Amino acid sequence: MTGPIPPEHWPNRGASRLVDVADITWHVQSSGAGPVVLLLHGTAGSTHQWADVLPALAERAHVLAVDLPGHAFTRVPRGLGRDVFSLAGMARAVGELLRALDVTPAIIAGHSAGAAVSLRLTLDGHATPAALVGFNPALVPPPAAYVALVAPLLAPLVESRLVAGLAARLAGGTGALDVMLDSSGSTLTPAQRAVYRTLCREETHVAAALTMMSRWDVPTLLRDAVALRVPFHAIAGARDTWVPREPLERAVRLMPHATFEVIDNAGHLIPDEVPGVAVRMLTRTLDALAR
């Protein structure tokens, strides 16, 4: 990655464009016509996670995939501040993008942390979808002591450019990234791994992911989610080792209009690993809305 435009080999590059909104330059991929389906990737991911989902779903919907702030090809100026990487700040920024694009998603689908963003986006009134779909939603909070005591101390360290640069060098020059991907419980192709490797060599991308994780407030999100009035369909991979299934199911069951489903043949990276499952779930949701 040498510039803000995705390289020629990037998945669905023909659907890409850059959109400037409130100091952020967004990388957006858009295809199809019909009800709008917004796709939000997880931490350290990008639109590439929906590589096979976007074109398949575009046969019956207007599909919009975005790189979250600081990730991949979405650029955030250094002077904008760190709040944009918080859960509320990221949701607010995505809401501003939707208003600038003049689109109202009927469905918001998020993978992992993207599912948390979709919930915050809806709870805070930045979007009014008819349904939410979360693939391996990152809704298992760390212990309360960590949130109150440890996270504030670690945040300045993990958000530093020095740490981000070191992490990017490790990902690019060692097998650390492959070890991490293997630990997800998902089986990826060499081509899929290569895309993650390209992303994680970039200091700005790594810095955004680390800052995002350090500023995540899942406990507050879960407390607020009991007031959610939109159906939330959570899909978990049976082999997922990153988001424990039992506490995830407990968190989902607290929401009044939520469902929980487990997919046997998948780990954490459902949209990458089994895109057909993601397409089927989203098509099913579109069918339900059309009835």
Protein backbone atom coordinates (compact mmCIF):
# COMPACT_ATOMS: atom_id res chain seq x y z
CA MET A 1 0.00 0.00 0.00
CA THR A 2 1.68 3.21 -1.14
CA GLY A 3 -1.29 5.52 -1.47
CA PRO A 4 -4.91 6.05 -0.54
CA ILE A 5 -6.27 4.27 -3.62
CA PRO A 6 -6.47 0.45 -3.36
CA PRO A 7 -3.97 -1.30 -5.63
CA GLU A 8 -5.12 -3.08 -8.77
CA HIS A 9 -5.27 -6.50 -7.10
CA TRP A 10 -7.51 -5.32 -4.23
CA PRO A 11 -10.79 -7.26 -3.90
CA ASN A 12 -13.69 -5.45 -5.63
CA ARG A 13 -11.48 -2.48 -6.51
CA GLY A 14 -13.85 -1.54 -9.34
CA ALA A 15 -16.48 -0.72 -6.72
CA SER A 16 -14.11 1.56 -4.75
CA ARG A 17 -14.18 5.31 -4.35
CA LEU A 18 -12.93 7.88 -1.86
CA VAL A 19 -15.34 10.20 -0.03
CA ASP A 20 -14.27 13.20 2.09
CA VAL A 21 -16.50 13.83 5.12
CA ALA A 22 -15.63 15.98 8.14
CA ASP A 23 -11.82 15.70 7.72
CA ILE A 24 -11.90 11.91 7.16
CA THR A 25 -11.19 10.49 3.71
CA TRP A 26 -13.27 7.32 3.51
CA HIS A 27 -12.67 4.31 1.32
CA VAL A 28 -16.10 3.08 0.25
CA GLN A 29 -17.14 0.20 -1.97
CA SER A 30 -20.64 0.31 -3.45
CA SER A 31 -22.48 -2.03 -5.81
CA GLY A 32 -26.00 -3.08 -6.75
CA ALA A 33 -29.45 -1.56 -6.38
CA GLY A 34 -32.32 -2.02 -3.97
CA PRO A 35 -32.49 -1.90 -0.18
CA VAL A 36 -29.21 -0.69 1.32
CA VAL A 37 -27.04 -3.20 3.19
CA LEU A 38 -24.11 -1.65 5.08
CA LEU A 39 -21.12 -3.94 5.77
CA LEU A 40 -18.72 -3.12 8.63
CA HIS A 41 -15.50 -5.08 9.09
CA GLY A 42 -13.78 -5.97 12.36
CA THR A 43 -10.67 -4.62 14.07
CA ALA A 44 -7.61 -4.69 11.76
CA GLY A 45 -9.83 -5.73 8.85
CA SER A 46 -11.09 -3.83 5.82
CA THR A 47 -13.58 -4.09 2.97
CA HIS A 48 -11.60 -7.10 1.79
CA GLN A 49 -13.35 -9.23 4.41
CA TRP A 50 -16.51 -8.92 2.30
CA ALA A 51 -14.72 -9.76 -0.96
CA ASP A 52 -17.12 -12.54 -1.96
CA VAL A 53 -20.13 -11.26 -0.02
CA LEU A 54 -20.45 -7.86 -1.73
CA PRO A 55 -20.82 -9.02 -5.37
CA ALA A 56 -23.16 -11.89 -4.47
CA LEU A 57 -25.42 -9.71 -2.35
CA ALA A 58 -25.36 -6.90 -4.93
CA GLU A 59 -27.54 -9.03 -7.17
CA ARG A 60 -30.52 -8.00 -5.03
CA ALA A 61 -29.44 -5.06 -2.85
CA HIS A 62 -27.41 -1.86 -2.82
CA VAL A 63 -24.37 -3.04 -0.87
CA LEU A 64 -22.10 -0.52 0.83
CA ALA A 65 -18.83 -1.61 2.47
CA VAL A 66 -16.48 0.85 4.18
CA ASP A 67 -13.04 0.86 5.75
CA LEU A 68 -13.49 2.07 9.32
CA PRO A 69 -11.52 5.15 10.46
CA GLY A 70 -7.76 4.68 10.14
CA HIS A 71 -8.12 1.20 8.67
CA ALA A 72 -6.76 0.25 5.25
CA PHE A 73 -7.52 3.14 2.88
CA THR A 74 -9.64 5.36 5.12
CA ARG A 75 -7.42 8.22 6.28
CA VAL A 76 -7.79 10.09 9.56
CA PRO A 77 -5.61 13.19 10.07
CA ARG A 78 -3.44 13.08 13.18
CA GLY A 79 -4.93 16.29 14.53
CA LEU A 80 -8.46 14.88 14.59
CA GLY A 81 -7.96 13.24 18.00
CA ARG A 82 -8.35 9.76 19.41
CA ASP A 83 -12.09 9.91 20.11
CA VAL A 84 -12.83 8.87 16.54
CA PHE A 85 -11.40 5.45 17.43
CA SER A 86 -13.73 4.97 20.42
CA LEU A 87 -16.89 2.97 19.94
CA ALA A 88 -19.13 6.04 20.17
CA GLY A 89 -16.76 8.14 18.06
CA MET A 90 -16.52 5.53 15.34
CA ALA A 91 -20.31 5.14 15.24
CA ARG A 92 -20.72 8.90 15.00
CA ALA A 93 -18.22 9.08 12.12
CA VAL A 94 -19.99 6.31 10.20
CA GLY A 95 -23.28 8.14 10.76
CA GLU A 96 -21.78 11.29 9.25
CA LEU A 97 -20.65 9.28 6.24
CA LEU A 98 -24.14 7.82 5.74
CA ARG A 99 -25.68 11.30 5.84
CA ALA A 100 -23.13 12.59 3.33
CA LEU A 101 -23.91 9.67 1.01
CA ASP A 102 -27.66 10.19 1.60
CA VAL A 103 -28.27 6.49 2.25
CA THR A 104 -30.42 4.80 4.89
CA PRO A 105 -29.38 1.19 5.48
CA ALA A 106 -32.18 -1.34 5.79
CA ILE A 107 -29.67 -3.80 7.22
CA ILE A 108 -26.34 -3.21 8.92
CA ALA A 109 -24.09 -6.26 9.07
CA GLY A 110 -20.94 -6.21 11.14
CA HIS A 111 -18.16 -8.66 11.71
CA SER A 112 -16.63 -8.83 15.20
CA ALA A 113 -15.98 -5.23 16.31
CA GLY A 114 -18.00 -4.05 13.31
CA ALA A 115 -21.06 -5.60 14.94
CA ALA A 116 -20.40 -3.53 18.08
CA VAL A 117 -20.17 -0.41 15.90
CA SER A 118 -23.50 -1.31 14.26
CA LEU A 119 -25.17 -1.56 17.68
CA ARG A 120 -23.72 1.77 18.88
CA LEU A 121 -24.64 3.38 15.54
CA THR A 122 -28.26 2.32 16.02
CA LEU A 123 -28.54 2.97 19.76
CA ASP A 124 -27.17 6.50 19.34
CA GLY A 125 -29.60 7.31 16.54
CA HIS A 126 -27.00 7.72 13.78
CA ALA A 127 -28.80 5.07 11.71
CA THR A 128 -32.28 3.55 11.71
CA PRO A 129 -31.95 0.07 10.19
CA ALA A 130 -34.77 -2.45 10.18
CA ALA A 131 -32.38 -5.23 11.24
CA LEU A 132 -28.83 -5.84 12.43
CA VAL A 133 -26.71 -8.91 11.69
CA GLY A 134 -23.54 -9.68 13.63
CA PHE A 135 -20.99 -12.29 12.58
CA ASN A 136 -18.93 -13.36 15.61
CA PRO A 137 -19.87 -10.08 17.32
CA ALA A 138 -17.18 -8.79 19.71
CA LEU A 139 -19.54 -8.39 22.68
CA VAL A 140 -17.61 -10.18 25.40
CA PRO A 141 -16.22 -7.48 27.70
CA PRO A 142 -12.93 -7.77 29.59
CA PRO A 143 -13.06 -8.04 33.39
CA ALA A 144 -14.31 -4.92 35.17
CA ALA A 145 -10.96 -4.44 36.92
CA TYR A 146 -9.20 -4.32 33.56
CA VAL A 147 -11.63 -1.70 32.23
CA ALA A 148 -11.32 0.47 35.34
CA LEU A 149 -7.63 0.12 36.19
CA VAL A 150 -5.48 -1.51 33.53
CA ALA A 151 -6.83 -0.14 30.24
CA PRO A 152 -6.24 3.56 31.10
CA LEU A 153 -2.63 2.77 31.95
CA LEU A 154 -1.98 0.72 28.83
CA ALA A 155 -3.76 3.01 26.36
CA PRO A 156 -0.91 5.56 25.94
CA LEU A 157 1.51 2.71 25.27
CA VAL A 158 -0.47 0.71 22.72
CA GLU A 159 -1.59 3.88 20.93
CA SER A 160 1.98 5.10 20.38
CA ARG A 161 3.50 5.19 16.91
CA LEU A 162 6.52 3.33 18.23
CA VAL A 163 4.41 0.32 19.22
CA ALA A 164 2.42 0.48 15.99
CA GLY A 165 5.60 0.60 13.92
CA LEU A 166 7.07 -2.35 15.79
CA ALA A 167 3.88 -4.37 15.36
CA ALA A 168 3.80 -3.59 11.63
CA ARG A 169 7.41 -4.74 11.23
CA LEU A 170 6.68 -7.95 13.12
CA ALA A 171 3.65 -8.67 10.95
CA GLY A 172 5.56 -8.02 7.74
CA GLY A 173 8.80 -9.79 8.55
CA THR A 174 7.91 -12.73 10.78
CA GLY A 175 5.32 -15.47 11.05
CA ALA A 176 3.49 -13.63 13.84
CA LEU A 177 0.53 -12.74 11.65
CA ASP A 178 0.05 -16.33 10.50
CA VAL A 179 0.11 -17.49 14.11
CA MET A 180 -2.55 -14.92 14.97
CA LEU A 181 -4.75 -15.85 12.01
CA ASP A 182 -4.43 -19.55 12.86
CA SER A 183 -5.51 -18.80 16.42
CA SER A 184 -8.84 -17.44 15.12
CA GLY A 185 -10.05 -20.96 14.37
CA SER A 186 -10.58 -20.03 10.70
CA THR A 187 -8.93 -21.59 7.68
CA LEU A 188 -7.82 -18.97 5.15
CA THR A 189 -6.32 -19.35 1.70
CA PRO A 190 -2.80 -18.06 0.94
CA ALA A 191 -4.36 -15.21 -1.06
CA GLN A 192 -6.53 -14.18 1.90
CA ARG A 193 -3.55 -14.26 4.23
CA ALA A 194 -1.59 -12.11 1.80
CA VAL A 195 -4.22 -9.36 2.01
CA TYR A 196 -4.02 -9.31 5.81
CA ARG A 197 -0.23 -9.25 5.56
CA THR A 198 -0.39 -6.24 3.22
CA LEU A 199 -2.64 -4.39 5.64
CA CYS A 200 -0.66 -5.19 8.76
CA ARG A 201 2.60 -3.92 7.26
CA GLU A 202 1.08 -0.43 7.32
CA GLU A 203 1.80 1.54 10.49
CA THR A 204 -1.32 3.71 10.20
CA HIS A 205 -3.55 0.65 9.89
CA VAL A 206 -1.93 -1.07 12.88
CA ALA A 207 -2.08 2.13 14.94
CA ALA A 208 -5.81 2.47 14.22
CA ALA A 209 -6.47 -1.13 15.24
CA LEU A 210 -4.51 -0.80 18.50
CA THR A 211 -6.14 2.52 19.37
CA MET A 212 -9.57 1.12 18.57
CA MET A 213 -9.03 -1.83 20.93
CA SER A 214 -7.67 0.36 23.72
CA ARG A 215 -10.74 2.62 23.60
CA TRP A 216 -13.44 -0.04 23.31
CA ASP A 217 -16.22 0.24 25.92
CA VAL A 218 -18.20 -2.98 25.61
CA PRO A 219 -19.70 -2.94 29.15
CA THR A 220 -21.47 0.37 28.47
CA LEU A 221 -22.63 -0.90 25.07
CA LEU A 222 -24.16 -4.02 26.64
CA ARG A 223 -25.91 -1.98 29.34
CA ASP A 224 -27.41 0.25 26.66
CA ALA A 225 -28.29 -2.66 24.34
CA VAL A 226 -31.16 -3.81 26.57
CA ALA A 227 -33.06 -0.85 25.10
CA LEU A 228 -32.45 -1.97 21.50
CA ARG A 229 -35.71 -2.14 19.56
CA VAL A 230 -34.25 -3.48 16.33
CA PRO A 231 -33.88 -7.23 15.65
CA PHE A 232 -30.27 -8.33 16.11
CA HIS A 233 -29.25 -11.65 14.58
CA ALA A 234 -25.95 -12.94 16.00
CA ILE A 235 -24.08 -15.71 14.18
CA ALA A 236 -21.11 -17.40 15.85
CA GLY A 237 -18.53 -19.78 14.40
CA ALA A 238 -18.24 -23.01 16.37
CA ARG A 239 -14.44 -22.94 16.03
CA ASP A 240 -14.08 -19.29 17.08
CA THR A 241 -11.43 -19.00 19.79
CA TRP A 242 -11.38 -15.19 19.90
CA VAL A 243 -14.93 -14.56 21.15
CA PRO A 244 -15.99 -17.25 23.68
CA ARG A 245 -19.37 -18.66 22.74
CA GLU A 246 -21.05 -18.97 26.15
CA PRO A 247 -20.48 -15.39 27.37
CA LEU A 248 -21.33 -14.14 23.88
CA GLU A 249 -24.65 -15.97 23.91
CA ARG A 250 -25.42 -14.59 27.38
CA ALA A 251 -24.71 -11.06 26.14
CA VAL A 252 -26.90 -11.50 23.07
CA ARG A 253 -29.79 -12.96 25.08
CA LEU A 254 -29.98 -9.73 27.09
CA MET A 255 -31.23 -7.90 24.01
CA PRO A 256 -35.02 -8.03 23.69
CA HIS A 257 -35.21 -8.80 19.95
CA ALA A 258 -32.05 -10.86 19.45
CA THR A 259 -31.41 -14.33 18.07
CA PHE A 260 -28.27 -16.47 18.41
CA GLU A 261 -27.08 -19.07 15.94
CA VAL A 262 -23.94 -21.21 15.70
CA ILE A 263 -22.30 -22.23 12.41
CA ASP A 264 -20.40 -25.51 12.69
CA ASN A 265 -17.85 -25.10 9.90
CA ALA A 266 -16.38 -21.71 10.79
CA GLY A 267 -13.99 -19.92 13.10
CA HIS A 268 -13.89 -16.23 13.89
CA LEU A 269 -13.50 -14.91 10.34
CA ILE A 270 -16.88 -15.95 8.94
CA PRO A 271 -17.10 -13.43 6.05
CA ASP A 272 -13.63 -14.46 4.80
CA GLU A 273 -13.86 -18.17 5.48
CA VAL A 274 -17.47 -19.03 4.59
CA PRO A 275 -18.85 -16.08 2.59
CA GLY A 276 -21.73 -18.23 1.41
CA VAL A 277 -22.98 -18.41 4.98
CA ALA A 278 -22.85 -14.62 5.28
CA VAL A 279 -24.70 -14.19 1.99
CA ARG A 280 -27.33 -16.73 3.02
CA MET A 281 -27.93 -15.05 6.38
CA LEU A 282 -28.19 -11.59 4.85
CA THR A 283 -30.45 -12.82 2.04
CA ARG A 284 -32.68 -14.45 4.64
CA THR A 285 -32.87 -11.13 6.49
CA LEU A 286 -33.72 -9.27 3.28
CA ASP A 287 -36.48 -11.79 2.57
CA ALA A 288 -37.91 -11.30 6.07
CA LEU A 289 -37.99 -7.53 5.60
CA ALA A 290 -39.72 -7.87 2.25
CA ARG A 291 -42.59 -9.90 3.69
